[in-house]
Amino acid sequence: MVGQYAFEIYYWLILISIFGSWFPQFQASRLGLWVAKLVEPYLGLFRRFIPPLGPIDFSPIIALFAFSFIRQYALLGLRQSLIFIGA
């Protein structure tokens, strides 16, 4: 299913962004800027409510848990909807 792959790719982009934040060279690279452009709108939602504790930012971890939850139930809802309409 295409939706499942889209969620999976976005999940990995979030992970790449998290691990890439440890390396300033990655953040300044073309790939790092591209990844940040894609995931920062989502991660920014959590950064507004969960401020960093000194140099440690827990908001991406919470964002990953929320994304996993959303992915699981969004795909489940989509499957049930397709079954309901007989597709």
Protein backbone atom coordinates (compact mmCIF):
# COMPACT_ATOMS: atom_id res chain seq x y z
CA MET A 1 0.00 0.00 0.00
CA VAL A 2 1.34 3.41 -0.97
CA GLY A 3 0.27 5.08 2.29
CA GLN A 4 2.27 2.63 4.32
CA TYR A 5 5.42 3.37 2.31
CA ALA A 6 4.87 7.12 2.64
CA PHE A 7 4.63 6.82 6.42
CA GLU A 8 7.70 4.60 6.50
CA ILE A 9 9.76 7.02 4.42
CA TYR A 10 8.73 9.98 6.56
CA TYR A 11 9.56 8.03 9.73
CA TRP A 12 13.08 7.40 8.41
CA LEU A 13 13.44 11.05 7.42
CA ILE A 14 12.63 12.02 11.01
CA LEU A 15 15.26 9.57 12.28
CA ILE A 16 17.82 10.92 9.80
CA SER A 17 17.05 14.43 10.98
CA ILE A 18 17.51 13.43 14.63
CA PHE A 19 20.82 11.67 14.07
CA GLY A 20 21.95 14.31 11.59
CA SER A 21 21.47 17.00 14.24
CA TRP A 22 24.52 15.54 16.00
CA PHE A 23 26.71 16.45 13.02
CA PRO A 24 26.92 20.11 11.96
CA GLN A 25 28.38 19.09 8.60
CA PHE A 26 25.25 17.09 7.82
CA GLN A 27 22.96 19.95 8.81
CA ALA A 28 24.78 22.29 6.45
CA SER A 29 24.82 19.80 3.55
CA ARG A 30 22.32 19.83 0.73
CA LEU A 31 20.80 16.56 1.96
CA GLY A 32 20.59 17.84 5.54
CA LEU A 33 18.82 21.02 4.43
CA TRP A 34 16.40 19.01 2.30
CA VAL A 35 15.57 16.63 5.16
CA ALA A 36 15.13 19.55 7.56
CA LYS A 37 12.77 21.27 5.13
CA LEU A 38 10.59 18.18 5.07
CA VAL A 39 10.51 17.28 8.77
CA GLU A 40 10.89 20.58 10.61
CA PRO A 41 7.23 21.60 10.20
CA TYR A 42 6.22 18.41 12.02
CA LEU A 43 8.98 18.56 14.65
CA GLY A 44 8.29 22.26 15.20
CA LEU A 45 4.82 21.41 16.50
CA PHE A 46 6.40 19.50 19.37
CA ARG A 47 9.16 22.01 20.01
CA ARG A 48 6.53 24.64 20.78
CA PHE A 49 5.22 22.56 23.69
CA ILE A 50 8.33 20.69 24.85
CA PRO A 51 11.24 23.08 25.38
CA PRO A 52 14.80 21.70 25.36
CA LEU A 53 16.34 20.85 28.71
CA GLY A 54 19.73 22.48 28.29
CA PRO A 55 21.45 20.91 25.27
CA ILE A 56 19.03 17.97 25.16
CA ASP A 57 15.89 18.25 23.05
CA PHE A 58 13.33 15.53 23.84
CA SER A 59 10.70 16.83 21.42
CA PRO A 60 11.90 14.69 18.46
CA ILE A 61 11.58 11.53 20.55
CA ILE A 62 8.03 12.46 21.54
CA ALA A 63 7.34 13.35 17.90
CA LEU A 64 8.50 9.87 16.81
CA PHE A 65 6.21 8.18 19.35
CA ALA A 66 3.30 10.33 18.21
CA PHE A 67 4.10 9.63 14.56
CA SER A 68 4.19 5.87 15.21
CA PHE A 69 0.81 6.11 16.94
CA ILE A 70 -0.66 8.20 14.12
CA ARG A 71 0.78 5.89 11.47
CA GLN A 72 -0.63 2.78 13.13
CA TYR A 73 -4.13 4.12 13.56
CA ALA A 74 -4.30 6.09 10.33
CA LEU A 75 -3.42 3.00 8.31
CA LEU A 76 -5.83 0.89 10.34
CA GLY A 77 -8.61 3.41 9.69
CA LEU A 78 -7.77 3.51 6.00
CA ARG A 79 -7.87 -0.28 5.74
CA GLN A 80 -11.21 -0.43 7.54
CA SER A 81 -12.63 2.29 5.30
CA LEU A 82 -11.55 0.41 2.18
CA ILE A 83 -13.09 -2.79 3.51
CA PHE A 84 -16.30 -0.93 4.35
CA ILE A 85 -16.70 0.50 0.85
CA GLY A 86 -15.74 -2.83 -0.72
CA ALA A 87 -12.60 -1.68 -2.46
